[in-house]
C-alpha atoms as a PDB file:
ATOM      1  CA  MET A   1     119.611 114.237 102.294  1.00  0.00           C
ATOM      2  CA  PRO A   2     120.110 111.747  99.430  1.00  0.00           C
ATOM      3  CA  ASP A   3     118.465 108.365  99.782  1.00  0.00           C
ATOM      4  CA  ALA A   4     121.300 105.876  99.434  1.00  0.00           C
ATOM      5  CA  THR A   5     118.765 103.126  98.705  1.00  0.00           C
ATOM      6  CA  LEU A   6     117.344 104.738  95.584  1.00  0.00           C
ATOM      7  CA  PRO A   7     117.639 102.265  92.703  1.00  0.00           C
ATOM      8  CA  THR A   8     119.763 102.892  89.655  1.00  0.00           C
ATOM      9  CA  THR A   9     116.729 102.034  87.515  1.00  0.00           C
ATOM     10  CA  TYR A  10     113.263 103.545  87.743  1.00  0.00           C
ATOM     11  CA  PRO A  11     110.376 101.650  89.356  1.00  0.00           C
ATOM     12  CA  THR A  12     108.403  99.523  86.918  1.00  0.00           C
ATOM     13  CA  ALA A  13     105.086  97.723  87.090  1.00  0.00           C
ATOM     14  CA  ASN A  14     107.006  94.537  87.899  1.00  0.00           C
ATOM     15  CA  ASP A  15     108.677  96.261  90.837  1.00  0.00           C
ATOM     16  CA  VAL A  16     105.325  97.467  92.159  1.00  0.00           C
ATOM     17  CA  ALA A  17     103.841  93.988  91.750  1.00  0.00           C
ATOM     18  CA  ASP A  18     106.690  92.601  93.847  1.00  0.00           C
ATOM     19  CA  ALA A  19     106.074  95.357  96.409  1.00  0.00           C
ATOM     20  CA  LEU A  20     102.417  94.313  96.663  1.00  0.00           C
ATOM     21  CA  ASP A  21     103.531  90.757  97.387  1.00  0.00           C
ATOM     22  CA  ALA A  22     105.898  92.070 100.063  1.00  0.00           C
ATOM     23  CA  LEU A  23     103.159  94.184 101.634  1.00  0.00           C
ATOM     24  CA  ARG A  24     100.743  91.309 101.948  1.00  0.00           C
ATOM     25  CA  SER A  25     103.325  88.837 103.175  1.00  0.00           C
ATOM     26  CA  SER A  26     104.567  91.101 105.972  1.00  0.00           C
ATOM     27  CA  THR A  27     101.399  93.057 106.951  1.00  0.00           C
ATOM     28  CA  PRO A  28     103.228  96.229 108.094  1.00  0.00           C
ATOM     29  CA  LEU A  29     101.723  98.088 111.047  1.00  0.00           C
ATOM     30  CA  VAL A  30     101.198 101.785 110.352  1.00  0.00           C
ATOM     31  CA  GLN A  31     100.810 104.328 113.117  1.00  0.00           C
ATOM     32  CA  SER A  32      98.409 106.948 111.838  1.00  0.00           C
ATOM     33  CA  LEU A  33      98.267 110.410 113.338  1.00  0.00           C
ATOM     34  CA  THR A  34      95.543 111.564 111.023  1.00  0.00           C
ATOM     35  CA  ASN A  35      92.519 113.812 111.070  1.00  0.00           C
ATOM     36  CA  LEU A  36      89.077 113.246 112.516  1.00  0.00           C
ATOM     37  CA  VAL A  37      87.469 113.075 109.086  1.00  0.00           C
ATOM     38  CA  SER A  38      89.759 110.371 107.736  1.00  0.00           C
ATOM     39  CA  ALA A  39      90.670 108.046 110.618  1.00  0.00           C
ATOM     40  CA  ASN A  40      88.139 105.325 109.853  1.00  0.00           C
ATOM     41  CA  PHE A  41      88.702 105.338 106.102  1.00  0.00           C
ATOM     42  CA  VAL A  42      92.503 105.306 106.452  1.00  0.00           C
ATOM     43  CA  THR A  43      92.227 102.214 108.638  1.00  0.00           C
ATOM     44  CA  ASN A  44      89.873 100.458 106.217  1.00  0.00           C
ATOM     45  CA  VAL A  45      92.120 101.218 103.241  1.00  0.00           C
ATOM     46  CA  LEU A  46      95.186  99.839 105.010  1.00  0.00           C
ATOM     47  CA  LEU A  47      93.360  96.688 106.068  1.00  0.00           C
ATOM     48  CA  ALA A  48      91.964  96.168 102.576  1.00  0.00           C
ATOM     49  CA  ALA A  49      95.349  96.649 100.935  1.00  0.00           C
ATOM     50  CA  GLY A  50      97.048  94.122 103.198  1.00  0.00           C
ATOM     51  CA  ALA A  51      98.567  96.249 105.951  1.00  0.00           C
ATOM     52  CA  SER A  52      97.376  97.146 109.461  1.00  0.00           C
ATOM     53  CA  ASN A  53      96.781 100.378 111.341  1.00  0.00           C
ATOM     54  CA  ALA A  54      96.865 101.816 114.862  1.00  0.00           C
ATOM     55  CA  HIS A  55      95.512 105.320 115.410  1.00  0.00           C
ATOM     56  CA  ILE A  56      97.902 106.519 118.136  1.00  0.00           C
ATOM     57  CA  ASP A  57      97.963 110.325 118.281  1.00  0.00           C
ATOM     58  CA  ASN A  58      98.227 111.262 121.947  1.00  0.00           C
ATOM     59  CA  VAL A  59     101.301 112.816 123.567  1.00  0.00           C
ATOM     60  CA  HIS A  60     101.723 109.952 126.039  1.00  0.00           C
ATOM     61  CA  GLU A  61     102.084 107.168 123.463  1.00  0.00           C
ATOM     62  CA  ALA A  62     102.943 108.758 120.104  1.00  0.00           C
ATOM     63  CA  ALA A  63     106.721 108.631 120.482  1.00  0.00           C
ATOM     64  CA  GLY A  64     106.885 105.135 121.926  1.00  0.00           C
ATOM     65  CA  PHE A  65     104.656 103.677 119.267  1.00  0.00           C
ATOM     66  CA  ALA A  66     106.544 105.360 116.429  1.00  0.00           C
ATOM     67  CA  ALA A  67     109.673 103.540 117.546  1.00  0.00           C
ATOM     68  CA  ILE A  68     108.042 100.130 117.115  1.00  0.00           C
ATOM     69  CA  ALA A  69     105.661 100.741 114.205  1.00  0.00           C
ATOM     70  CA  SER A  70     106.549  99.660 110.680  1.00  0.00           C
ATOM     71  CA  GLY A  71     105.713 103.117 109.334  1.00  0.00           C
ATOM     72  CA  VAL A  72     104.136 106.373 110.491  1.00  0.00           C
ATOM     73  CA  LEU A  73     101.682 108.791 108.888  1.00  0.00           C
ATOM     74  CA  VAL A  74     101.548 112.393 110.143  1.00  0.00           C
ATOM     75  CA  ASN A  75      98.518 114.104 108.605  1.00  0.00           C
ATOM     76  CA  LEU A  76      97.766 117.751 109.406  1.00  0.00           C
ATOM     77  CA  GLY A  77      94.059 117.677 108.620  1.00  0.00           C
ATOM     78  CA  THR A  78      92.509 118.660 111.969  1.00  0.00           C
ATOM     79  CA  PRO A  79      95.315 119.543 114.401  1.00  0.00           C
ATOM     80  CA  ASP A  80      94.902 120.907 117.898  1.00  0.00           C
ATOM     81  CA  ASP A  81      97.512 121.662 120.546  1.00  0.00           C
ATOM     82  CA  GLY A  82      97.601 118.076 121.775  1.00  0.00           C
ATOM     83  CA  THR A  83      97.831 116.360 118.420  1.00  0.00           C
ATOM     84  CA  ALA A  84     100.342 118.934 117.177  1.00  0.00           C
ATOM     85  CA  ALA A  85     102.635 118.028 120.060  1.00  0.00           C
ATOM     86  CA  ALA A  86     102.080 114.343 119.306  1.00  0.00           C
ATOM     87  CA  PHE A  87     103.007 114.938 115.651  1.00  0.00           C
ATOM     88  CA  THR A  88     106.376 116.320 116.678  1.00  0.00           C
ATOM     89  CA  LEU A  89     107.026 113.565 119.217  1.00  0.00           C
ATOM     90  CA  ALA A  90     106.162 110.844 116.715  1.00  0.00           C
ATOM     91  CA  ALA A  91     108.266 112.427 113.968  1.00  0.00           C
ATOM     92  CA  GLU A  92     111.275 112.807 116.267  1.00  0.00           C
ATOM     93  CA  SER A  93     110.954 109.210 117.420  1.00  0.00           C
ATOM     94  CA  ALA A  94     110.480 107.827 113.924  1.00  0.00           C
ATOM     95  CA  THR A  95     113.523 109.663 112.635  1.00  0.00           C
ATOM     96  CA  ALA A  96     115.648 108.532 115.573  1.00  0.00           C
ATOM     97  CA  SER A  97     114.445 104.927 115.273  1.00  0.00           C
ATOM     98  CA  GLY A  98     114.758 104.687 111.511  1.00  0.00           C
ATOM     99  CA  THR A  99     111.014 104.196 111.085  1.00  0.00           C
ATOM    100  CA  PRO A 100     109.860 105.511 107.691  1.00  0.00           C
ATOM    101  CA  TRP A 101     107.330 108.288 108.069  1.00  0.00           C
ATOM    102  CA  VAL A 102     105.121 110.306 105.755  1.00  0.00           C
ATOM    103  CA  LEU A 103     104.201 113.973 106.118  1.00  0.00           C
ATOM    104  CA  ASP A 104     100.832 114.869 104.583  1.00  0.00           C
ATOM    105  CA  PRO A 105     100.620 118.686 104.831  1.00  0.00           C
ATOM    106  CA  VAL A 106      96.835 119.046 104.568  1.00  0.00           C
ATOM    107  CA  GLY A 107      95.763 122.669 104.201  1.00  0.00           C
ATOM    108  CA  VAL A 108      99.253 124.094 104.517  1.00  0.00           C
ATOM    109  CA  GLY A 109      99.796 127.624 103.291  1.00  0.00           C
ATOM    110  CA  GLY A 110      96.327 128.935 103.949  1.00  0.00           C
ATOM    111  CA  LEU A 111      96.485 129.086 107.754  1.00  0.00           C
ATOM    112  CA  PRO A 112      99.573 130.442 109.582  1.00  0.00           C
ATOM    113  CA  TRP A 113      99.602 128.118 112.614  1.00  0.00           C
ATOM    114  CA  ARG A 114      99.213 124.988 110.504  1.00  0.00           C
ATOM    115  CA  THR A 115     101.904 126.191 108.117  1.00  0.00           C
ATOM    116  CA  GLU A 116     104.309 126.866 110.975  1.00  0.00           C
ATOM    117  CA  LEU A 117     103.605 123.376 112.322  1.00  0.00           C
ATOM    118  CA  ALA A 118     104.388 121.859 108.928  1.00  0.00           C
ATOM    119  CA  ALA A 119     107.622 123.839 108.684  1.00  0.00           C
ATOM    120  CA  GLY A 120     108.716 122.468 112.048  1.00  0.00           C
ATOM    121  CA  LEU A 121     107.948 118.904 110.995  1.00  0.00           C
ATOM    122  CA  LEU A 122     110.100 119.331 107.902  1.00  0.00           C
ATOM    123  CA  THR A 123     113.130 119.723 110.170  1.00  0.00           C
ATOM    124  CA  GLN A 124     112.495 116.180 111.429  1.00  0.00           C
ATOM    125  CA  ARG A 125     113.333 114.855 107.956  1.00  0.00           C
ATOM    126  CA  PRO A 126     110.271 112.905 106.799  1.00  0.00           C
ATOM    127  CA  THR A 127     110.994 109.927 104.606  1.00  0.00           C
ATOM    128  CA  ALA A 128     108.269 111.055 102.227  1.00  0.00           C
ATOM    129  CA  ILE A 129     106.050 114.075 101.685  1.00  0.00           C
ATOM    130  CA  ARG A 130     102.716 113.475  99.980  1.00  0.00           C
ATOM    131  CA  GLY A 131     100.239 116.178  99.075  1.00  0.00           C
ATOM    132  CA  ASN A 132      98.154 117.631  96.318  1.00  0.00           C
ATOM    133  CA  ALA A 133      99.772 120.130  93.973  1.00  0.00           C
ATOM    134  CA  SER A 134      98.710 123.243  95.890  1.00  0.00           C
ATOM    135  CA  GLU A 135      99.930 121.834  99.200  1.00  0.00           C
ATOM    136  CA  ILE A 136     103.317 120.894  97.756  1.00  0.00           C
ATOM    137  CA  ILE A 137     103.723 124.346  96.202  1.00  0.00           C
ATOM    138  CA  ALA A 138     102.742 126.078  99.424  1.00  0.00           C
ATOM    139  CA  LEU A 139     104.978 123.872 101.572  1.00  0.00           C
ATOM    140  CA  ALA A 140     107.948 124.707  99.392  1.00  0.00           C
ATOM    141  CA  GLY A 141     107.132 128.412  99.681  1.00  0.00           C
ATOM    142  CA  LEU A 142     106.562 128.846  95.971  1.00  0.00           C
ATOM    143  CA  GLY A 143     102.941 129.935  96.092  1.00  0.00           C
ATOM    144  CA  ASN A 144      99.762 130.247  98.090  1.00  0.00           C
ATOM    145  CA  PHE A 145      97.451 127.417  99.016  1.00  0.00           C
ATOM    146  CA  GLY A 146      94.309 127.005  96.971  1.00  0.00           C
ATOM    147  CA  ARG A 147      90.778 126.247  98.165  1.00  0.00           C
ATOM    148  CA  GLY A 148      90.153 124.361 101.403  1.00  0.00           C
ATOM    149  CA  VAL A 149      91.882 121.010 101.180  1.00  0.00           C
ATOM    150  CA  ASP A 150      91.320 120.815  97.428  1.00  0.00           C
ATOM    151  CA  SER A 151      94.016 121.616  94.926  1.00  0.00           C
ATOM    152  CA  SER A 152      93.863 124.657  92.663  1.00  0.00           C
ATOM    153  CA  SER A 153      97.048 123.706  90.798  1.00  0.00           C
ATOM    154  CA  GLU A 154      97.896 121.019  88.272  1.00  0.00           C
ATOM    155  CA  SER A 155     100.234 118.361  89.619  1.00  0.00           C
ATOM    156  CA  GLU A 156     102.831 118.926  86.872  1.00  0.00           C
ATOM    157  CA  GLY A 157     103.079 122.563  87.951  1.00  0.00           C
ATOM    158  CA  ALA A 158     104.143 121.394  91.398  1.00  0.00           C
ATOM    159  CA  LEU A 159     107.243 119.595  90.098  1.00  0.00           C
ATOM    160  CA  PRO A 160     109.711 122.426  90.904  1.00  0.00           C
ATOM    161  CA  ALA A 161     108.286 122.638  94.431  1.00  0.00           C
ATOM    162  CA  ALA A 162     108.494 118.863  94.866  1.00  0.00           C
ATOM    163  CA  VAL A 163     112.136 118.890  93.810  1.00  0.00           C
ATOM    164  CA  ALA A 164     112.854 121.789  96.193  1.00  0.00           C
ATOM    165  CA  LEU A 165     111.391 119.778  99.090  1.00  0.00           C
ATOM    166  CA  LEU A 166     113.935 117.010  98.515  1.00  0.00           C
ATOM    167  CA  GLN A 167     116.268 118.994 100.760  1.00  0.00           C
ATOM    168  CA  PHE A 168     114.072 117.702 103.603  1.00  0.00           C
ATOM    169  CA  ALA A 169     112.736 114.338 102.416  1.00  0.00           C
ATOM    170  CA  GLN A 170     113.908 111.333 100.446  1.00  0.00           C
ATOM    171  CA  VAL A 171     110.877 111.378  98.132  1.00  0.00           C
ATOM    172  CA  VAL A 172     108.030 113.791  97.404  1.00  0.00           C
ATOM    173  CA  SER A 173     104.815 113.300  95.470  1.00  0.00           C
ATOM    174  CA  ALA A 174     102.269 115.738  94.087  1.00  0.00           C
ATOM    175  CA  SER A 175      98.987 114.026  93.320  1.00  0.00           C
ATOM    176  CA  GLY A 176      96.336 114.973  90.813  1.00  0.00           C
ATOM    177  CA  ALA A 177      94.933 113.655  87.560  1.00  0.00           C
ATOM    178  CA  ILE A 178      98.514 112.467  87.038  1.00  0.00           C
ATOM    179  CA  ASP A 179     100.719 111.788  90.070  1.00  0.00           C
ATOM    180  CA  TYR A 180     104.314 113.009  90.042  1.00  0.00           C
ATOM    181  CA  ILE A 181     106.921 111.430  92.322  1.00  0.00           C
ATOM    182  CA  VAL A 182     110.512 112.624  92.698  1.00  0.00           C
ATOM    183  CA  GLY A 183     113.485 111.465  94.725  1.00  0.00           C
ATOM    184  CA  ARG A 184     117.158 112.195  94.983  1.00  0.00           C
ATOM    185  CA  GLY A 185     119.938 109.623  94.896  1.00  0.00           C
ATOM    186  CA  GLU A 186     123.678 109.864  94.643  1.00  0.00           C
ATOM    187  CA  SER A 187     123.444 110.605  90.921  1.00  0.00           C
ATOM    188  CA  GLY A 188     120.883 113.406  91.208  1.00  0.00           C
ATOM    189  CA  THR A 189     117.137 113.868  90.999  1.00  0.00           C
ATOM    190  CA  VAL A 190     114.975 111.091  89.568  1.00  0.00           C
ATOM    191  CA  GLY A 191     111.241 110.810  89.132  1.00  0.00           C
ATOM    192  CA  VAL A 192     108.241 109.053  87.662  1.00  0.00           C
ATOM    193  CA  ARG A 193     104.671 109.882  86.784  1.00  0.00           C
ATOM    194  CA  VAL A 194     101.842 107.499  87.611  1.00  0.00           C
ATOM    195  CA  LEU A 195      98.935 107.761  85.195  1.00  0.00           C
ATOM    196  CA  GLY A 196      95.405 106.505  85.556  1.00  0.00           C
ATOM    197  CA  GLY A 197      93.065 106.530  88.508  1.00  0.00           C
ATOM    198  CA  SER A 198      89.462 107.626  88.791  1.00  0.00           C
ATOM    199  CA  PRO A 199      88.028 111.142  89.101  1.00  0.00           C
ATOM    200  CA  LEU A 200      85.683 109.702  91.724  1.00  0.00           C
ATOM    201  CA  LEU A 201      88.626 109.674  94.138  1.00  0.00           C
ATOM    202  CA  THR A 202      88.023 113.416  94.533  1.00  0.00           C
ATOM    203  CA  LYS A 203      84.358 112.816  95.432  1.00  0.00           C
ATOM    204  CA  VAL A 204      85.073 110.638  98.477  1.00  0.00           C
ATOM    205  CA  THR A 205      86.640 112.230 101.535  1.00  0.00           C
ATOM    206  CA  ALA A 206      89.936 110.905 102.908  1.00  0.00           C
ATOM    207  CA  THR A 207      91.185 109.147  99.779  1.00  0.00           C
ATOM    208  CA  GLY A 208      94.284 111.361  99.807  1.00  0.00           C
ATOM    209  CA  CYS A 209      94.798 110.777 103.520  1.00  0.00           C
ATOM    210  CA  ALA A 210      94.495 107.050 102.944  1.00  0.00           C
ATOM    211  CA  LEU A 211      97.105 107.286 100.196  1.00  0.00           C
ATOM    212  CA  GLY A 212      99.475 108.761 102.781  1.00  0.00           C
ATOM    213  CA  GLY A 213      98.849 105.820 105.106  1.00  0.00           C
ATOM    214  CA  LEU A 214      99.369 103.340 102.289  1.00  0.00           C
ATOM    215  CA  ALA A 215     102.629 105.102 101.412  1.00  0.00           C
ATOM    216  CA  ALA A 216     103.850 104.582 104.981  1.00  0.00           C
ATOM    217  CA  ALA A 217     103.018 100.887 104.669  1.00  0.00           C
ATOM    218  CA  TYR A 218     104.844 100.455 101.373  1.00  0.00           C
ATOM    219  CA  LEU A 219     107.883 102.397 102.569  1.00  0.00           C
ATOM    220  CA  ALA A 220     108.221  99.797 105.317  1.00  0.00           C
ATOM    221  CA  VAL A 221     108.528  96.862 102.892  1.00  0.00           C
ATOM    222  CA  THR A 222     110.348  98.220  99.830  1.00  0.00           C
ATOM    223  CA  PRO A 223     114.099  98.550  99.236  1.00  0.00           C
ATOM    224  CA  SER A 224     113.858 102.181  98.126  1.00  0.00           C
ATOM    225  CA  SER A 225     111.697 105.133  99.064  1.00  0.00           C
ATOM    226  CA  LEU A 226     111.052 105.957  95.407  1.00  0.00           C
ATOM    227  CA  LEU A 227     109.604 102.500  94.863  1.00  0.00           C
ATOM    228  CA  GLY A 228     107.603 102.657  98.083  1.00  0.00           C
ATOM    229  CA  LEU A 229     105.854 105.902  97.214  1.00  0.00           C
ATOM    230  CA  THR A 230     105.358 104.827  93.598  1.00  0.00           C
ATOM    231  CA  ALA A 231     103.808 101.550  94.736  1.00  0.00           C
ATOM    232  CA  ALA A 232     101.264 103.328  96.922  1.00  0.00           C
ATOM    233  CA  HIS A 233     100.209 105.674  94.121  1.00  0.00           C
ATOM    234  CA  THR A 234     100.011 102.805  91.636  1.00  0.00           C
ATOM    235  CA  HIS A 235      97.962 100.566  93.935  1.00  0.00           C
ATOM    236  CA  VAL A 236      95.447 103.391  94.425  1.00  0.00           C
ATOM    237  CA  ALA A 237      95.335 104.273  90.715  1.00  0.00           C
ATOM    238  CA  VAL A 238      94.678 100.729  89.517  1.00  0.00           C
ATOM    239  CA  ALA A 239      92.192  99.985  92.307  1.00  0.00           C
ATOM    240  CA  SER A 240      90.241 103.168  91.664  1.00  0.00           C
ATOM    241  CA  GLU A 241      89.890 102.378  87.959  1.00  0.00           C
ATOM    242  CA  LEU A 242      88.505  98.950  88.813  1.00  0.00           C
ATOM    243  CA  ALA A 243      86.182 100.466  91.426  1.00  0.00           C
ATOM    244  CA  GLN A 244      84.792 103.009  88.978  1.00  0.00           C
ATOM    245  CA  ARG A 245      83.779 100.224  86.612  1.00  0.00           C
ATOM    246  CA  ASN A 246      81.853  98.583  89.450  1.00  0.00           C
ATOM    247  CA  SER A 247      80.103 101.644  90.875  1.00  0.00           C
ATOM    248  CA  SER A 248      77.382 104.113  89.977  1.00  0.00           C
ATOM    249  CA  GLY A 249      78.502 107.125  92.024  1.00  0.00           C
ATOM    250  CA  PRO A 250      80.604 108.268  94.984  1.00  0.00           C
ATOM    251  CA  GLY A 251      78.806 106.119  97.573  1.00  0.00           C
ATOM    252  CA  SER A 252      79.118 102.825  95.763  1.00  0.00           C
ATOM    253  CA  PHE A 253      82.599 103.841  94.600  1.00  0.00           C
ATOM    254  CA  ALA A 254      83.866 104.092  98.198  1.00  0.00           C
ATOM    255  CA  VAL A 255      82.785 100.513  98.876  1.00  0.00           C
ATOM    256  CA  ALA A 256      84.042  99.238  95.520  1.00  0.00           C
ATOM    257  CA  PHE A 257      87.385 100.969  96.094  1.00  0.00           C
ATOM    258  CA  LEU A 258      87.980  99.036  99.323  1.00  0.00           C
ATOM    259  CA  ASP A 259      87.038  95.809  97.556  1.00  0.00           C
ATOM    260  CA  ALA A 260      89.396  96.601  94.679  1.00  0.00           C
ATOM    261  CA  LEU A 261      92.312  97.404  96.978  1.00  0.00           C
ATOM    262  CA  ALA A 262      91.876  93.957  98.502  1.00  0.00           C
ATOM    263  CA  SER A 263      91.235  91.974  95.322  1.00  0.00           C
ATOM    264  CA  ILE A 264      93.969  93.377  93.084  1.00  0.00           C
ATOM    265  CA  THR A 265      96.727  90.893  92.345  1.00  0.00           C
ATOM    266  CA  PRO A 266     100.341  91.411  91.315  1.00  0.00           C
ATOM    267  CA  GLU A 267      99.291  90.241  87.854  1.00  0.00           C
ATOM    268  CA  ASP A 268      96.715  93.054  87.729  1.00  0.00           C
ATOM    269  CA  ILE A 269      99.442  95.555  88.585  1.00  0.00           C
ATOM    270  CA  ARG A 270     101.726  94.210  85.858  1.00  0.00           C
ATOM    271  CA  ALA A 271      98.929  94.414  83.288  1.00  0.00           C
ATOM    272  CA  GLN A 272      97.336  97.739  84.211  1.00  0.00           C
ATOM    273  CA  ALA A 273      99.904  99.988  85.915  1.00  0.00           C
ATOM    274  CA  ARG A 274     101.086 102.978  83.896  1.00  0.00           C
ATOM    275  CA  ILE A 275     104.366 104.289  85.231  1.00  0.00           C
ATOM    276  CA  GLU A 276     106.525 106.592  83.140  1.00  0.00           C
ATOM    277  CA  ARG A 277     110.005 107.902  83.742  1.00  0.00           C
ATOM    278  CA  LEU A 278     110.450 111.643  84.197  1.00  0.00           C
ATOM    279  CA  ASP A 279     113.339 113.465  82.583  1.00  0.00           C
ATOM    280  CA  LEU A 280     114.449 115.998  85.191  1.00  0.00           C
END
């Protein structure tokens, strides 16, 4: 379904800087239904960036909380029967309530039950889908999933799959060394690439999951879904570059990354963000 709020111009560093101001002034509350490995880190990233988080993933409260949250993250990292049911309840409620929600299809394609669960969640029309290249390709049915939760595909190669998934979502991103983000407005498909970031992001668990949570937060405060998803990717890219300069390895990087997410200013975004328009 086209996103009627997609801008006629592409997101710029100035737009993302304004989005950062909006995030910190409103402190959106994200409901995270995320995996056991990432729950703590997702919460810390959201708090550092300027948002807030509630980890509500049980069947008794998931739907009710999704209706009042600012945004929702549904992450398929470690599902069981209970959380799978909560995923569906939260997605249904978010869609019905107009709450923006993000589907992060961790590990999709490699395991049949998880893949079937992801396919069902697509029918609930997520606002955004965020995954690595292999996950996006597998979710679109264009290929097989790679290795574990790591990507075996380059993010640019996932562009056709990302565009195909726009039949379900307003915006889709495939992350990697370069992040690709596509959306569909009244005039057709639009997209950007976000350059930069640190390779150390792949050495710390849950950085991708945290990106999904941050996307849910930005979607709650931006006038378009394309800008919201672009802002989340840009915030992470710029913060990770700063963190790498202030760290000596993955352990110190994780701490420095949280500090950088918190300390980055709109002026830093304007000076350091690298966002390029895609010709699709």
